[in-house]
Amino acid sequence: MTPLDKTGAADTLEGGAPRRRRTRQGVRGARGVRGAPLPLLLPALAGLAFLLLPLVALLVRAPWRTLPDQLTSAEVWQALRLSLVCATAATALSLLIGVPLAWLLARTDFPGRGLVRALVTLPLVLPPVVGGVALLMALGRNGVVGRWLDAWFGITLPFTTAGVIVAETFVAMPFLVISVEGTLRAANPRYEEAATTLGASRFTAFRRVTLPLIAPGIAAGAVLAWARALGEFGATITFAGNFPGRTQTMPLAVYLALQSDPAAAIALSLVLLAVSIAVLAGLRDRWMTAS
């Protein structure tokens, strides 16, 4: 047997199946992919520690012994109830007007669509306090639209519970619109076209065909909008104020308690932290899995 034949026999398993030879270069390449170079690993660990350290500190400094008393106080339950009611109402309002807006951006073509999309996503990067000031200029008692609401219908939004819902909707609805628009773009529009060719109207096709297809995206966007509304602070305190029982939500209660009772502020922060973790856990299949 020649050396070439011996090499070929060594590289062949029983039954004629070829055996892959792993060279040193291949092993080094595999290790390079799996491992991480030290100049990248150290900053990555520092970034991870930077993000986790405040959360760990919050858990370490939490008043665990008095936590049940802190969370069962009337003020906490009042702020929590108001936060849940306002966040849920803001999410419902976002669904009512945000889903049609997402459909308009995803399914129609009109002049200035890119500009409209940019304006829709503007509250994502706009400082919340600036959003609150903008709402005051638009819907305040002397605002561009607010003066007519007050004169014609007697509706005053600032410093009311309805004002909290409006402020939370303003900052939370873009999360819903982006999620639903992305789902609509990924969905095949041929199903809607087939429904219209069979005699269904555009609205019937949307209601009977499109909505079931994009239901997971709507649910994910609604959860994100609800969580964002629950944690809203800047626009709420600017547009609606901080009145206990009327406009004081959980984030505002945390800010107020931090000045007089840090233990209560930590307890309230733990509640919001638990809600955030629950939201991430509920959306793990959409946001936390690798493709």
Protein backbone atom coordinates (compact mmCIF):
# COMPACT_ATOMS: atom_id res chain seq x y z
CA MET A 1 0.00 0.00 0.00
CA THR A 2 1.42 3.36 -0.96
CA PRO A 3 1.67 6.27 1.50
CA LEU A 4 -1.17 7.93 -0.35
CA ASP A 5 -3.34 4.85 0.12
CA LYS A 6 -2.45 4.74 3.82
CA THR A 7 -3.50 8.38 4.20
CA GLY A 8 -6.76 7.71 2.42
CA ALA A 9 -7.45 4.69 4.59
CA ALA A 10 -6.72 6.64 7.74
CA ASP A 11 -9.17 9.34 6.69
CA THR A 12 -11.96 6.81 6.07
CA LEU A 13 -14.16 5.23 8.73
CA GLU A 14 -15.65 1.75 8.56
CA GLY A 15 -18.42 1.50 6.04
CA GLY A 16 -16.78 3.91 3.63
CA ALA A 17 -17.85 7.12 5.43
CA PRO A 18 -15.21 9.83 5.16
CA ARG A 19 -13.76 11.18 8.37
CA ARG A 20 -13.15 14.92 8.66
CA ARG A 21 -9.60 15.76 9.59
CA ARG A 22 -9.16 18.58 12.09
CA THR A 23 -5.97 20.48 11.59
CA ARG A 24 -4.36 22.76 14.13
CA GLN A 25 -5.47 25.75 12.14
CA GLY A 26 -9.10 24.59 12.29
CA VAL A 27 -8.91 24.07 16.05
CA ARG A 28 -7.46 27.51 16.54
CA GLY A 29 -10.20 28.99 14.37
CA ALA A 30 -12.91 27.28 16.44
CA ARG A 31 -11.36 28.51 19.66
CA GLY A 32 -11.18 32.04 18.27
CA VAL A 33 -14.90 32.01 17.46
CA ARG A 34 -15.95 30.62 20.83
CA GLY A 35 -13.60 32.67 22.96
CA ALA A 36 -13.26 36.41 23.33
CA PRO A 37 -10.07 38.46 23.14
CA LEU A 38 -9.06 40.08 26.39
CA PRO A 39 -9.24 43.69 25.05
CA LEU A 40 -12.94 43.09 24.27
CA LEU A 41 -13.79 40.86 27.24
CA LEU A 42 -12.73 43.35 29.92
CA PRO A 43 -14.79 46.31 28.60
CA ALA A 44 -17.75 43.96 28.07
CA LEU A 45 -17.60 42.80 31.68
CA ALA A 46 -17.25 46.41 32.83
CA GLY A 47 -20.35 47.35 30.86
CA LEU A 48 -22.28 44.43 32.32
CA ALA A 49 -21.22 45.41 35.84
CA PHE A 50 -22.19 49.03 35.16
CA LEU A 51 -25.71 47.98 34.18
CA LEU A 52 -26.22 45.41 36.93
CA LEU A 53 -24.61 47.22 39.86
CA PRO A 54 -27.43 49.75 40.46
CA LEU A 55 -30.03 46.97 40.37
CA VAL A 56 -28.02 44.82 42.77
CA ALA A 57 -27.55 47.82 45.06
CA LEU A 58 -31.31 48.38 45.04
CA LEU A 59 -31.87 44.79 46.17
CA VAL A 60 -29.12 44.98 48.79
CA ARG A 61 -30.39 48.21 50.34
CA ALA A 62 -34.05 47.20 50.22
CA PRO A 63 -35.81 47.29 53.62
CA TRP A 64 -36.87 43.65 53.51
CA ARG A 65 -38.09 43.60 57.12
CA THR A 66 -40.41 46.55 56.72
CA LEU A 67 -41.20 45.90 53.06
CA PRO A 68 -44.67 44.41 53.68
CA ASP A 69 -45.66 47.43 55.76
CA GLN A 70 -44.28 49.79 53.14
CA LEU A 71 -46.16 48.14 50.31
CA THR A 72 -49.47 47.86 52.17
CA SER A 73 -49.68 51.52 53.12
CA ALA A 74 -52.61 53.53 51.77
CA GLU A 75 -50.38 55.91 49.83
CA VAL A 76 -48.62 53.11 47.97
CA TRP A 77 -51.85 51.35 47.02
CA GLN A 78 -53.35 54.65 45.92
CA ALA A 79 -50.40 55.40 43.63
CA LEU A 80 -50.27 51.80 42.39
CA ARG A 81 -53.98 51.71 41.59
CA LEU A 82 -53.78 55.02 39.73
CA SER A 83 -50.71 53.84 37.81
CA LEU A 84 -52.38 50.62 36.73
CA VAL A 85 -55.59 52.36 35.69
CA CYS A 86 -53.83 55.11 33.75
CA ALA A 87 -51.33 52.77 32.07
CA THR A 88 -54.13 50.42 31.00
CA ALA A 89 -56.23 53.30 29.68
CA ALA A 90 -53.23 54.72 27.83
CA THR A 91 -52.56 51.32 26.27
CA ALA A 92 -56.19 50.99 25.17
CA LEU A 93 -56.06 54.46 23.61
CA SER A 94 -52.78 53.58 21.91
CA LEU A 95 -54.38 50.44 20.45
CA LEU A 96 -57.39 52.39 19.24
CA ILE A 97 -55.42 54.97 17.26
CA GLY A 98 -51.97 53.36 17.02
CA VAL A 99 -52.90 50.17 15.13
CA PRO A 100 -54.61 52.08 12.27
CA LEU A 101 -51.62 54.43 12.16
CA ALA A 102 -49.23 51.49 11.90
CA TRP A 103 -51.37 50.00 9.10
CA LEU A 104 -51.28 53.33 7.27
CA LEU A 105 -47.48 53.46 7.45
CA ALA A 106 -47.01 49.83 6.44
CA ARG A 107 -49.69 49.28 3.78
CA THR A 108 -50.16 52.60 1.99
CA ASP A 109 -47.89 54.86 -0.01
CA PHE A 110 -48.38 58.61 0.23
CA PRO A 111 -46.18 61.68 -0.10
CA GLY A 112 -44.16 62.39 3.04
CA ARG A 113 -44.57 58.93 4.55
CA GLY A 114 -40.94 58.94 5.70
CA LEU A 115 -41.48 62.27 7.45
CA VAL A 116 -44.66 60.98 9.12
CA ARG A 117 -42.81 57.89 10.36
CA ALA A 118 -40.04 60.10 11.77
CA LEU A 119 -42.59 62.28 13.56
CA VAL A 120 -44.34 59.22 14.98
CA THR A 121 -41.08 57.92 16.46
CA LEU A 122 -40.02 61.36 17.71
CA PRO A 123 -41.40 60.82 21.26
CA LEU A 124 -38.97 57.91 21.61
CA VAL A 125 -35.99 60.28 21.58
CA LEU A 126 -37.70 63.45 22.78
CA PRO A 127 -36.98 64.29 26.45
CA PRO A 128 -40.16 63.53 28.38
CA VAL A 129 -40.17 66.96 30.02
CA VAL A 130 -40.13 68.56 26.56
CA GLY A 131 -43.05 66.33 25.65
CA GLY A 132 -44.92 67.57 28.71
CA VAL A 133 -44.26 71.19 27.77
CA ALA A 134 -45.44 70.48 24.22
CA LEU A 135 -48.64 68.94 25.57
CA LEU A 136 -49.22 72.04 27.70
CA MET A 137 -48.77 74.29 24.68
CA ALA A 138 -51.22 72.17 22.68
CA LEU A 139 -53.80 70.98 25.22
CA GLY A 140 -53.37 73.41 28.10
CA ARG A 141 -56.11 75.81 29.08
CA ASN A 142 -54.49 78.47 26.87
CA GLY A 143 -53.07 75.97 24.37
CA VAL A 144 -53.61 75.82 20.65
CA VAL A 145 -56.36 73.20 20.98
CA GLY A 146 -56.95 73.27 24.73
CA ARG A 147 -58.56 76.71 24.70
CA TRP A 148 -61.26 75.47 22.32
CA LEU A 149 -61.79 72.29 24.35
CA ASP A 150 -62.34 74.45 27.43
CA ALA A 151 -64.57 77.00 25.70
CA TRP A 152 -66.73 74.60 23.69
CA PHE A 153 -66.89 71.47 25.82
CA GLY A 154 -65.61 72.54 29.24
CA ILE A 155 -62.81 69.96 29.05
CA THR A 156 -59.60 70.73 30.91
CA LEU A 157 -56.87 68.12 30.66
CA PRO A 158 -53.84 69.49 32.57
CA PHE A 159 -53.50 68.44 36.22
CA THR A 160 -56.23 65.80 35.93
CA THR A 161 -56.28 62.02 35.74
CA ALA A 162 -57.24 62.32 32.07
CA GLY A 163 -54.12 64.44 31.62
CA VAL A 164 -52.03 61.57 33.02
CA ILE A 165 -53.55 59.21 30.46
CA VAL A 166 -52.86 61.67 27.63
CA ALA A 167 -49.24 62.16 28.71
CA GLU A 168 -48.64 58.43 29.01
CA THR A 169 -50.24 57.78 25.62
CA PHE A 170 -48.01 60.39 24.00
CA VAL A 171 -44.80 58.69 25.16
CA ALA A 172 -45.98 55.06 24.94
CA MET A 173 -47.86 54.84 21.65
CA PRO A 174 -44.71 54.93 19.43
CA PHE A 175 -43.62 51.60 20.93
CA LEU A 176 -46.90 50.06 19.79
CA VAL A 177 -46.78 51.65 16.34
CA ILE A 178 -43.23 50.45 15.66
CA SER A 179 -44.00 46.91 16.76
CA VAL A 180 -47.22 46.64 14.77
CA GLU A 181 -45.72 48.26 11.68
CA GLY A 182 -42.83 45.80 11.71
CA THR A 183 -45.25 42.89 12.02
CA LEU A 184 -47.37 44.23 9.17
CA ARG A 185 -44.35 44.55 6.91
CA ALA A 186 -43.38 40.96 7.68
CA ALA A 187 -46.91 39.65 7.01
CA ASN A 188 -47.77 38.63 3.45
CA PRO A 189 -50.25 41.15 1.95
CA ARG A 190 -51.52 38.58 -0.55
CA TYR A 191 -54.02 37.28 2.00
CA GLU A 192 -55.64 40.70 2.19
CA GLU A 193 -55.62 40.98 -1.60
CA ALA A 194 -57.25 37.56 -1.90
CA ALA A 195 -59.98 38.61 0.54
CA THR A 196 -60.71 41.77 -1.42
CA THR A 197 -60.92 39.83 -4.70
CA LEU A 198 -63.52 37.59 -3.07
CA GLY A 199 -65.71 40.59 -2.34
CA ALA A 200 -64.58 41.69 1.12
CA SER A 201 -64.06 45.38 1.77
CA ARG A 202 -60.68 46.70 2.86
CA PHE A 203 -61.90 47.10 6.41
CA THR A 204 -63.40 43.60 6.48
CA ALA A 205 -60.14 42.16 5.15
CA PHE A 206 -58.26 44.06 7.82
CA ARG A 207 -60.59 42.88 10.57
CA ARG A 208 -60.99 39.25 9.50
CA VAL A 209 -57.60 38.53 7.90
CA THR A 210 -54.93 41.03 8.91
CA LEU A 211 -55.69 41.34 12.61
CA PRO A 212 -55.39 37.59 13.32
CA LEU A 213 -52.09 37.51 11.41
CA ILE A 214 -50.53 40.38 13.34
CA ALA A 215 -52.03 39.56 16.74
CA PRO A 216 -48.64 38.54 18.27
CA GLY A 217 -47.09 41.83 17.17
CA ILE A 218 -50.03 43.79 18.57
CA ALA A 219 -49.76 41.94 21.88
CA ALA A 220 -46.02 42.60 22.12
CA GLY A 221 -46.46 46.26 21.26
CA ALA A 222 -49.28 46.62 23.78
CA VAL A 223 -47.16 45.13 26.55
CA LEU A 224 -44.27 47.45 25.71
CA ALA A 225 -46.58 50.46 25.60
CA TRP A 226 -48.15 49.48 28.92
CA ALA A 227 -44.76 49.12 30.60
CA ARG A 228 -43.59 52.46 29.19
CA ALA A 229 -46.78 54.16 30.35
CA LEU A 230 -46.43 52.65 33.81
CA GLY A 231 -42.94 54.08 34.19
CA GLU A 232 -43.59 57.51 32.69
CA PHE A 233 -42.41 60.44 34.83
CA GLY A 234 -41.28 63.58 32.97
CA ALA A 235 -44.27 64.28 30.74
CA THR A 236 -46.68 63.30 33.52
CA ILE A 237 -45.31 65.64 36.17
CA THR A 238 -45.03 68.49 33.64
CA PHE A 239 -48.49 68.15 32.10
CA ALA A 240 -50.53 66.60 34.92
CA GLY A 241 -48.68 67.59 38.09
CA ASN A 242 -48.18 65.55 41.25
CA PHE A 243 -51.43 65.45 43.20
CA PRO A 244 -51.97 62.39 45.45
CA GLY A 245 -54.98 60.36 44.46
CA ARG A 246 -55.47 62.27 41.21
CA THR A 247 -52.23 62.44 39.24
CA GLN A 248 -49.57 60.91 41.49
CA THR A 249 -48.48 57.69 39.80
CA MET A 250 -45.83 55.27 41.05
CA PRO A 251 -42.80 57.05 39.53
CA LEU A 252 -43.98 60.34 41.00
CA ALA A 253 -44.51 58.67 44.37
CA VAL A 254 -40.95 57.30 44.20
CA TYR A 255 -39.57 60.79 43.52
CA LEU A 256 -41.59 62.32 46.34
CA ALA A 257 -40.73 59.56 48.84
CA LEU A 258 -37.02 59.80 48.05
CA GLN A 259 -36.96 63.27 49.58
CA SER A 260 -38.53 62.28 52.90
CA ASP A 261 -38.56 58.48 53.23
CA PRO A 262 -35.83 56.67 51.24
CA ALA A 263 -37.02 53.26 52.46
CA ALA A 264 -40.45 53.85 50.94
CA ALA A 265 -38.81 55.02 47.71
CA ILE A 266 -36.81 51.79 47.53
CA ALA A 267 -39.92 49.72 48.18
CA LEU A 268 -41.81 51.47 45.40
CA SER A 269 -38.82 51.07 43.10
CA LEU A 270 -38.82 47.32 43.76
CA VAL A 271 -42.43 47.14 42.58
CA LEU A 272 -41.57 48.88 39.31
CA LEU A 273 -38.48 46.68 38.94
CA ALA A 274 -40.59 43.55 39.38
CA VAL A 275 -43.03 44.79 36.72
CA SER A 276 -40.16 45.47 34.29
CA ILE A 277 -38.72 41.99 34.83
CA ALA A 278 -42.15 40.47 34.29
CA VAL A 279 -42.50 42.36 31.00
CA LEU A 280 -39.10 41.16 29.79
CA ALA A 281 -39.94 37.61 30.81
CA GLY A 282 -43.23 37.77 28.94
CA LEU A 283 -41.49 39.04 25.79
CA ARG A 284 -38.48 36.74 25.97
CA ASP A 285 -39.48 34.85 22.82
CA ARG A 286 -39.59 38.10 20.86
CA TRP A 287 -36.73 40.14 22.27
CA MET A 288 -34.39 37.82 24.15
CA THR A 289 -33.79 34.95 21.75
CA ALA A 290 -31.07 34.87 19.15
CA SER A 291 -31.98 34.41 15.54
